[in-house]
């Protein structure tokens, strides 16, 4: 029986089934009850008829006894006289006996019919008892169907409430989905803006570094040239001083004329001015270099790892003849390495989609950075060493914090990363 319908239709369907069950169970007993009533009526009629026949038989027996007494009282003469009457009476008696016999036969038949009616009555009572049991069972089934109907009604109500809740939840989820799509669109727009900003910042920083490097090279060339000129002027001044000291004052005074004295004085003045000019130019170049020291020269020293003060001869580093330690860093191979500026970390990337950092002082592994969906093709530190950038085969660039290992930003772009293109802003 299908229950997935409205409660009113289900109630009508159950009521129709109950009526049909009642009709199907009560209709067979209606004919039996009618027959039973007819038999009871006929039984009562037969009992009345048997009583009438018994009464008539008793009257006939009384009459026969009276006749017998009269016959015994009469004498032979009277007997002869009344022989014909006696014969008539005997005939009447025989007729009465035959009628009585027929009545007895009828009575026996009536008793037999009464017994059959009683048997039928017993059968009807048994059938009535069975019908009552069936009616009780039917009433139990009806009550069960009513309880089931109530349960179905409650289930339908619960299902309606559940559908309403599901509809409300679906609407809420649709709203959340729309909000999430809007948020994702906003995040994509922000990501694109950040990507454009990052490219702009990288390009600006690269141009700035190129300009700074050019300015530094020009200033160093000027300073070297001015130092060379100042050294040449000082050497020339020392040579002239030595030559002037080698001649005696007396010979010089005797051999010179006023014109020679004025020419020597003019030459000394020009040499002194040239030396002074060279010294001033060198001092100006040194002052310019000193004025830019905090912005350019000092920062370049720090970036290059040079000591403060004058730059001396750099000691050549000796490479080890054999590796001190061998580690299996990446499954499938290592693609690139990058050393941390002013630090003791080295970063590696490989075909296992990870970027790892290693401590050079302890030769131990420090952290593993995840997030790339393809092979990690390149890796680089920022200029301050606090950011780690990884370029993957999935055309994404990820930025991690080297202190916490958390990913800061991810860009969907294929680009080559080098230390000179990264600054402290990430």
Protein backbone atom coordinates (compact mmCIF):
# COMPACT_ATOMS: atom_id res chain seq x y z
CA UNK A 1 0.00 0.00 0.00
CA UNK A 2 1.42 3.35 -1.04
CA UNK A 3 1.72 5.82 1.84
CA UNK A 4 3.40 8.73 0.08
CA UNK A 5 0.20 10.85 -0.25
CA UNK A 6 -1.75 13.38 1.76
CA UNK A 7 -3.35 12.33 5.10
CA UNK A 8 -6.97 13.01 3.94
CA UNK A 9 -6.67 10.68 0.94
CA UNK A 10 -4.99 8.06 3.13
CA UNK A 11 -7.84 8.29 5.69
CA UNK A 12 -10.46 7.89 2.98
CA UNK A 13 -8.57 4.93 1.54
CA UNK A 14 -8.29 3.23 4.96
CA UNK A 15 -12.03 3.88 5.72
CA UNK A 16 -13.03 2.37 2.36
CA UNK A 17 -10.87 -0.69 3.10
CA UNK A 18 -12.46 -1.03 6.56
CA UNK A 19 -16.00 -0.83 5.10
CA UNK A 20 -15.10 -3.32 2.40
CA UNK A 21 -13.63 -5.68 5.04
CA UNK A 22 -16.76 -5.35 7.19
CA UNK A 23 -19.05 -6.04 4.23
CA UNK A 24 -16.94 -9.02 3.08
CA UNK A 25 -16.95 -10.52 6.59
CA UNK A 26 -20.61 -9.82 7.52
CA UNK A 27 -22.33 -10.60 4.17
CA UNK A 28 -21.76 -14.43 4.29
CA UNK A 29 -23.38 -14.56 7.74
CA UNK A 30 -26.51 -12.63 6.76
CA UNK A 31 -27.92 -15.57 4.72
CA UNK A 32 -26.97 -17.99 7.52
CA UNK A 33 -28.72 -15.84 10.12
CA UNK A 34 -31.82 -15.54 7.89
CA UNK A 35 -31.90 -19.34 7.42
CA UNK A 36 -31.43 -19.80 11.13
CA UNK A 37 -34.39 -17.49 11.90
CA UNK A 38 -36.56 -19.30 9.34
CA UNK A 39 -35.64 -22.68 10.86
CA UNK A 40 -36.42 -21.40 14.35
CA UNK A 41 -39.82 -20.20 13.14
CA UNK A 42 -40.53 -23.57 11.47
CA UNK A 43 -39.35 -25.36 14.63
CA UNK A 44 -41.81 -23.39 16.71
CA UNK A 45 -44.60 -24.18 14.22
CA UNK A 46 -43.71 -27.90 14.33
CA UNK A 47 -43.68 -27.86 18.11
CA UNK A 48 -47.15 -26.30 18.10
CA UNK A 49 -48.34 -28.93 15.60
CA UNK A 50 -46.82 -31.76 17.68
CA UNK A 51 -48.63 -30.40 20.74
CA UNK A 52 -51.94 -30.35 18.85
CA UNK A 53 -51.32 -33.90 17.60
CA UNK A 54 -50.48 -35.07 21.14
CA UNK A 55 -53.70 -33.51 22.36
CA UNK A 56 -55.73 -35.21 19.63
CA UNK A 57 -54.01 -38.56 20.34
CA UNK A 58 -54.82 -38.24 24.02
CA UNK A 59 -58.45 -37.49 23.16
CA UNK A 60 -58.55 -40.50 20.84
CA UNK A 61 -57.02 -42.72 23.52
CA UNK A 62 -59.61 -41.51 26.03
CA UNK A 63 -62.36 -42.11 23.52
CA UNK A 64 -61.03 -45.62 22.79
CA UNK A 65 -60.91 -46.42 26.49
CA UNK A 66 -64.49 -45.21 26.89
CA UNK A 67 -65.59 -47.31 24.00
CA UNK A 68 -63.82 -50.33 25.41
CA UNK A 69 -65.61 -49.81 28.72
CA UNK A 70 -68.91 -49.47 26.98
CA UNK A 71 -68.23 -52.60 25.01
CA UNK A 72 -67.31 -54.49 28.18
CA UNK A 73 -70.50 -53.23 29.88
CA UNK A 74 -72.77 -54.23 27.16
CA UNK A 75 -73.91 -57.75 26.99
CA UNK A 76 -73.62 -60.01 24.19
CA UNK A 77 -76.91 -58.89 22.82
CA UNK A 78 -75.92 -55.39 22.90
CA UNK A 79 -72.67 -56.46 21.45
CA UNK A 80 -74.41 -58.11 18.61
CA UNK A 81 -76.64 -55.15 18.22
CA UNK A 82 -73.86 -52.84 18.26
CA UNK A 83 -71.46 -55.08 16.31
CA UNK A 84 -71.86 -52.97 13.31
CA UNK A 85 -71.28 -49.94 15.45
CA UNK A 86 -68.30 -51.63 17.03
CA UNK A 87 -66.96 -52.45 13.65
CA UNK A 88 -67.50 -48.87 12.76
CA UNK A 89 -65.80 -47.84 15.92
CA UNK A 90 -63.01 -50.27 15.26
CA UNK A 91 -62.68 -48.83 11.80
CA UNK A 92 -62.65 -45.40 13.35
CA UNK A 93 -60.13 -46.66 15.88
CA UNK A 94 -58.01 -48.14 13.18
CA UNK A 95 -58.24 -44.89 11.31
CA UNK A 96 -57.41 -43.09 14.51
CA UNK A 97 -54.48 -45.48 15.08
CA UNK A 98 -53.34 -45.02 11.54
CA UNK A 99 -53.71 -41.28 11.99
CA UNK A 100 -51.88 -41.56 15.29
CA UNK A 101 -49.19 -43.61 13.61
CA UNK A 102 -48.92 -41.05 10.88
CA UNK A 103 -48.89 -38.34 13.54
CA UNK A 104 -46.16 -40.23 15.41
CA UNK A 105 -44.23 -40.57 12.17
CA UNK A 106 -44.73 -36.89 11.58
CA UNK A 107 -43.65 -36.23 15.15
CA UNK A 108 -40.51 -38.34 14.69
CA UNK A 109 -39.81 -36.50 11.47
CA UNK A 110 -40.45 -33.26 13.28
CA UNK A 111 -38.02 -34.39 16.04
CA UNK A 112 -35.50 -35.31 13.40
CA UNK A 113 -36.00 -31.94 11.77
CA UNK A 114 -35.74 -30.36 15.21
CA UNK A 115 -32.47 -32.22 15.83
CA UNK A 116 -31.16 -31.17 12.44
CA UNK A 117 -32.27 -27.63 13.23
CA UNK A 118 -30.49 -27.85 16.57
CA UNK A 119 -27.37 -29.10 14.81
CA UNK A 120 -27.72 -26.27 12.34
CA UNK A 121 -28.26 -23.93 15.30
CA UNK A 122 -25.07 -25.23 16.89
CA UNK A 123 -23.25 -24.78 13.58
CA UNK A 124 -24.70 -21.28 13.34
CA UNK A 125 -23.58 -20.55 16.89
CA UNK A 126 -20.07 -21.80 16.03
CA UNK A 127 -20.16 -19.73 12.86
CA UNK A 128 -21.36 -16.75 14.91
CA UNK A 129 -18.53 -17.31 17.35
CA UNK A 130 -16.06 -17.48 14.48
CA UNK A 131 -17.67 -14.37 12.99
CA UNK A 132 -17.34 -12.64 16.37
CA UNK A 133 -13.67 -13.64 16.55
CA UNK A 134 -13.19 -12.45 12.98
CA UNK A 135 -14.99 -9.22 13.91
CA UNK A 136 -12.69 -8.84 16.92
CA UNK A 137 -9.68 -9.47 14.70
CA UNK A 138 -11.07 -7.00 12.19
CA UNK A 139 -11.57 -4.44 14.96
CA UNK A 140 -7.98 -5.07 16.08
CA UNK A 141 -6.80 -4.62 12.52
CA UNK A 142 -8.90 -1.47 12.27
CA UNK A 143 -7.38 -0.11 15.48
CA UNK A 144 -3.92 -1.03 14.17
CA UNK A 145 -4.68 0.69 10.89
CA UNK A 146 -5.91 3.74 12.81
CA UNK A 147 -2.71 3.77 14.89
CA UNK A 148 -0.68 3.31 11.72
CA UNK A 149 -2.66 6.12 10.12
CA UNK A 150 -1.82 8.33 13.10
CA UNK A 151 1.86 7.36 12.82
CA UNK A 152 1.79 8.06 9.10
CA UNK A 153 0.17 11.44 9.78
CA UNK A 154 2.84 12.25 12.35
CA UNK A 155 5.54 11.06 9.94
CA UNK A 156 4.05 13.25 7.21
CA UNK A 157 4.03 16.21 9.57
CA UNK A 158 7.64 15.51 10.55
CA UNK A 159 8.55 15.14 6.88
CA UNK A 160 6.86 18.46 6.11
CA UNK A 161 8.81 20.13 8.92
CA UNK A 162 12.02 18.43 7.76
CA UNK A 163 11.37 19.60 4.19
CA UNK A 164 10.75 23.12 5.42
CA UNK A 165 13.96 23.01 7.46
CA UNK A 166 15.83 21.52 4.49
CA UNK A 167 14.45 24.25 2.23
CA UNK A 168 15.52 26.91 4.73
CA UNK A 169 18.95 25.30 5.08
CA UNK A 170 19.24 25.05 1.28
CA UNK A 171 18.36 28.73 0.96
CA UNK A 172 20.94 29.55 3.65
CA UNK A 173 23.55 27.44 1.87
CA UNK A 174 22.71 29.08 -1.45
CA UNK A 175 23.14 32.47 0.23
CA UNK A 176 26.40 31.32 1.78
CA UNK A 177 27.52 29.98 -1.60
CA UNK A 178 26.70 33.30 -3.27
CA UNK A 179 28.54 35.15 -0.49
CA UNK A 180 31.48 32.74 -0.79
CA UNK A 181 31.56 33.19 -4.57
CA UNK A 182 31.47 36.97 -4.09
CA UNK A 183 34.25 36.68 -1.47
CA UNK A 184 36.23 34.41 -3.80
CA UNK A 185 35.78 36.89 -6.63
CA UNK A 186 36.92 39.70 -4.32
CA UNK A 187 39.89 37.62 -3.20
CA UNK A 188 40.78 36.87 -6.81
CA UNK A 189 40.58 40.57 -7.59
CA UNK A 190 42.72 41.32 -4.51
CA UNK A 191 45.14 38.60 -5.56
CA UNK A 192 45.38 40.06 -9.05
CA UNK A 193 45.90 43.53 -7.55
CA UNK A 194 48.56 42.17 -5.18
CA UNK A 195 50.21 40.34 -8.05
CA UNK A 196 50.27 43.51 -10.15
CA UNK A 197 51.55 45.44 -7.15
CA UNK A 198 54.24 42.83 -6.52
CA UNK A 199 55.35 42.97 -10.15
CA UNK A 200 55.41 46.76 -9.99
CA UNK A 201 57.37 46.72 -6.74
CA UNK A 202 59.82 44.14 -8.11
CA UNK A 203 60.31 46.16 -11.28
CA UNK A 204 60.75 49.40 -9.32
CA UNK A 205 63.16 47.76 -6.89
CA UNK A 206 65.15 46.27 -9.76
CA UNK A 207 65.34 49.67 -11.46
CA UNK A 208 66.29 51.27 -8.14
CA UNK A 209 69.03 48.71 -7.54
CA UNK A 210 70.32 49.20 -11.09
CA UNK A 211 70.40 52.97 -10.58
CA UNK A 212 72.11 52.60 -7.20
CA UNK A 213 74.68 50.21 -8.71
CA UNK A 214 75.33 52.63 -11.59
CA UNK A 215 75.65 55.57 -9.18
CA UNK A 216 77.99 53.56 -6.99
CA UNK A 217 80.17 52.53 -9.95
CA UNK A 218 80.30 56.13 -11.23
CA UNK A 219 81.17 57.48 -7.77
CA UNK A 220 83.83 54.81 -7.27
CA UNK A 221 85.35 55.60 -10.69
CA UNK A 222 85.30 59.33 -9.89
CA UNK A 223 86.82 58.73 -6.47
CA UNK A 224 89.54 56.50 -7.93
CA UNK A 225 90.27 58.99 -10.68
CA UNK A 226 90.42 61.89 -8.21
CA UNK A 227 92.60 59.84 -5.87
CA UNK A 228 94.94 59.06 -8.77
CA UNK A 229 95.01 62.76 -9.72
CA UNK A 230 95.59 63.78 -6.08
CA UNK A 231 98.39 61.21 -5.79
CA UNK A 232 100.00 62.41 -9.01
CA UNK A 233 99.75 66.03 -7.83
CA UNK A 234 101.27 65.18 -4.44
CA UNK A 235 104.06 63.21 -6.13
CA UNK A 236 104.76 66.14 -8.46
CA UNK A 237 104.76 68.55 -5.52
CA UNK A 238 107.14 66.28 -3.58
CA UNK A 239 109.42 65.99 -6.63
CA UNK A 240 109.54 69.77 -7.03
CA UNK A 241 110.16 70.18 -3.33
CA UNK A 242 113.03 67.70 -3.45
CA UNK A 243 114.52 69.41 -6.51
CA UNK A 244 114.23 72.81 -4.86
CA UNK A 245 115.89 71.49 -1.73
CA UNK A 246 118.80 69.97 -3.69
CA UNK A 247 119.92 73.38 -5.04
CA UNK A 248 121.84 75.72 -2.70
CA UNK A 249 120.36 79.05 -1.81
CA UNK A 250 123.48 80.94 -2.75
CA UNK A 251 123.87 79.42 -6.18
CA UNK A 252 120.24 79.87 -6.78
CA UNK A 253 120.41 83.55 -5.84
CA UNK A 254 123.48 84.13 -8.02
CA UNK A 255 122.25 82.34 -11.06
CA UNK A 256 118.69 83.54 -11.13
CA UNK A 257 117.38 86.68 -12.55
CA UNK A 258 114.29 88.51 -11.51
CA UNK A 259 112.41 87.00 -14.45
CA UNK A 260 113.42 83.47 -13.43
CA UNK A 261 112.38 84.10 -9.89
CA UNK A 262 108.96 85.24 -10.97
CA UNK A 263 108.56 82.21 -13.32
CA UNK A 264 109.47 79.72 -10.59
CA UNK A 265 107.16 81.41 -8.21
CA UNK A 266 104.35 81.21 -10.75
CA UNK A 267 105.06 77.50 -11.38
CA UNK A 268 105.04 76.77 -7.65
CA UNK A 269 101.79 78.65 -7.31
CA UNK A 270 100.15 76.68 -10.15
CA UNK A 271 101.39 73.36 -8.77
CA UNK A 272 100.18 74.30 -5.31
CA UNK A 273 96.79 75.26 -6.71
CA UNK A 274 96.59 72.03 -8.74
CA UNK A 275 97.46 69.96 -5.68
CA UNK A 276 94.98 71.91 -3.62
CA UNK A 277 92.35 71.43 -6.33
CA UNK A 278 93.03 67.71 -6.51
CA UNK A 279 92.90 67.45 -2.73
CA UNK A 280 89.65 69.43 -2.68
CA UNK A 281 88.18 67.20 -5.40
CA UNK A 282 89.24 64.08 -3.50
CA UNK A 283 87.84 65.56 -0.29
CA UNK A 284 84.60 66.40 -2.10
CA UNK A 285 84.38 62.89 -3.53
CA UNK A 286 85.12 61.43 -0.10
CA UNK A 287 82.49 63.71 1.44
CA UNK A 288 79.95 62.69 -1.20
CA UNK A 289 80.76 59.06 -0.60
CA UNK A 290 80.50 59.66 3.16
CA UNK A 291 77.19 61.48 2.72
CA UNK A 292 75.87 58.47 0.77
CA UNK A 293 77.45 55.95 3.10
CA UNK A 294 74.34 55.32 5.14
CA UNK A 295 72.15 54.94 2.04
CA UNK A 296 74.41 53.12 -0.42
CA UNK A 297 77.92 52.19 0.62
CA UNK A 298 77.16 50.92 4.11
CA UNK A 299 74.15 48.89 2.91
CA UNK A 300 76.20 47.37 0.07
CA UNK A 301 78.91 46.44 2.60
CA UNK A 302 76.31 44.77 4.76
CA UNK A 303 74.79 42.99 1.76
CA UNK A 304 78.23 41.84 0.56
CA UNK A 305 79.30 40.83 4.07
CA UNK A 306 82.29 43.25 4.13
CA UNK A 307 83.65 44.77 7.37
CA UNK A 308 83.18 48.44 8.19
CA UNK A 309 85.88 50.91 7.21
CA UNK A 310 88.29 50.68 4.33
CA UNK A 311 88.02 47.73 2.07
CA UNK A 312 91.13 45.66 2.17
CA UNK A 313 92.24 42.61 0.36
CA UNK A 314 89.57 39.91 0.43
CA UNK A 315 90.83 36.54 1.52
CA UNK A 316 90.05 33.83 -0.97
CA UNK A 317 87.90 31.08 0.43
CA UNK A 318 89.15 27.55 0.22
CA UNK A 319 86.54 25.01 -0.92
CA UNK A 320 86.53 21.65 0.89
CA UNK A 321 87.92 18.71 -1.00
CA UNK A 322 85.07 16.33 0.05
CA UNK A 323 81.49 16.82 1.30
CA UNK A 324 81.13 16.88 5.07
CA UNK A 325 77.63 15.41 5.08
CA UNK A 326 75.28 13.79 2.58
CA UNK A 327 71.47 13.87 3.01
CA UNK A 328 68.58 12.59 0.89
CA UNK A 329 66.64 15.87 0.63
CA UNK A 330 64.09 15.41 -2.17
CA UNK A 331 62.56 12.34 -3.78
CA UNK A 332 63.12 12.57 -7.53
CA UNK A 333 65.97 15.08 -7.39
CA UNK A 334 66.87 18.56 -6.18
CA UNK A 335 66.17 21.42 -8.63
CA UNK A 336 67.71 24.51 -6.98
CA UNK A 337 69.48 25.89 -3.88
CA UNK A 338 69.50 29.33 -2.24
CA UNK A 339 71.58 30.67 0.67
CA UNK A 340 70.10 33.00 3.27
CA UNK A 341 71.70 36.46 3.26
CA UNK A 342 73.55 37.19 6.54
CA UNK A 343 72.28 33.91 7.90
CA UNK A 344 73.11 30.25 8.33
CA UNK A 345 70.25 28.66 6.39
CA UNK A 346 70.18 27.15 2.91
CA UNK A 347 66.92 26.37 1.06
CA UNK A 348 66.43 23.52 -1.40
CA UNK A 349 63.57 22.57 -3.71
CA UNK A 350 62.90 19.48 -5.73
CA UNK A 351 60.54 17.20 -7.63
CA UNK A 352 58.64 16.14 -4.48
CA UNK A 353 56.66 19.47 -4.51
CA UNK A 354 58.34 20.71 -1.31
CA UNK A 355 60.82 23.40 -0.23
CA UNK A 356 63.13 22.56 2.68
CA UNK A 357 65.56 24.59 4.79
CA UNK A 358 68.81 23.33 6.36
CA UNK A 359 71.01 24.74 9.12
CA UNK A 360 74.62 25.03 7.91
CA UNK A 361 76.00 25.32 11.46
CA UNK A 362 74.47 22.05 12.69
CA UNK A 363 73.99 20.35 9.26
CA UNK A 364 70.40 19.53 10.27
CA UNK A 365 66.98 19.90 8.69
CA UNK A 366 64.91 22.80 10.07
CA UNK A 367 61.59 22.99 8.20
CA UNK A 368 59.57 21.69 5.22
CA UNK A 369 57.31 24.09 3.30
CA UNK A 370 54.24 22.73 1.49
CA UNK A 371 51.67 24.25 -0.83
CA UNK A 372 52.98 23.71 -4.36
CA UNK A 373 50.90 21.44 -6.58
CA UNK A 374 53.71 20.77 -9.06
CA UNK A 375 57.45 20.26 -8.82
CA UNK A 376 59.38 23.02 -7.02
CA UNK A 377 61.59 24.45 -9.78
CA UNK A 378 63.29 27.39 -8.03
CA UNK A 379 63.69 28.88 -4.55
CA UNK A 380 65.09 32.17 -3.19
CA UNK A 381 65.35 34.17 0.05
CA UNK A 382 64.31 37.80 0.40
CA UNK A 383 67.00 40.42 0.98
CA UNK A 384 66.47 40.35 4.77
CA UNK A 385 66.24 36.54 4.88
CA UNK A 386 62.80 36.54 6.57
CA UNK A 387 60.83 35.46 3.47
CA UNK A 388 61.26 32.39 1.35
CA UNK A 389 59.90 32.28 -2.22
CA UNK A 390 59.28 29.13 -4.22
CA UNK A 391 58.35 28.79 -7.91
CA UNK A 392 56.50 25.61 -8.88
CA UNK A 393 55.64 23.73 -12.04
CA UNK A 394 51.95 24.54 -11.38
CA UNK A 395 52.67 28.15 -12.49
CA UNK A 396 52.39 29.50 -8.95
CA UNK A 397 54.73 31.54 -6.76
CA UNK A 398 54.40 30.96 -2.99
CA UNK A 399 55.86 33.11 -0.21
CA UNK A 400 56.53 31.62 3.25
CA UNK A 401 57.69 33.09 6.55
CA UNK A 402 61.00 31.45 7.43
CA UNK A 403 60.40 31.93 11.16
CA UNK A 404 56.92 30.39 11.42
CA UNK A 405 56.71 28.36 8.19
CA UNK A 406 53.30 29.84 7.34
CA UNK A 407 52.43 30.68 3.75
CA UNK A 408 51.87 34.42 3.31
CA UNK A 409 50.68 34.71 -0.31
CA UNK A 410 50.33 32.63 -3.46
CA UNK A 411 50.47 34.04 -7.01
CA UNK A 412 49.31 32.28 -10.18
CA UNK A 413 52.22 33.29 -12.45
CA UNK A 414 55.33 31.73 -13.99
CA UNK A 415 58.36 33.87 -13.07
CA UNK A 416 62.07 33.47 -12.31
CA UNK A 417 63.04 34.40 -8.78
CA UNK A 418 66.47 35.72 -7.83
CA UNK A 419 67.73 37.33 -4.65
CA UNK A 420 68.30 40.68 -6.32
CA UNK A 421 64.54 40.92 -7.14
CA UNK A 422 63.38 40.39 -3.54
CA UNK A 423 63.29 42.95 -0.75
CA UNK A 424 62.26 42.88 2.90
CA UNK A 425 58.60 43.67 2.10
CA UNK A 426 58.19 40.19 0.56
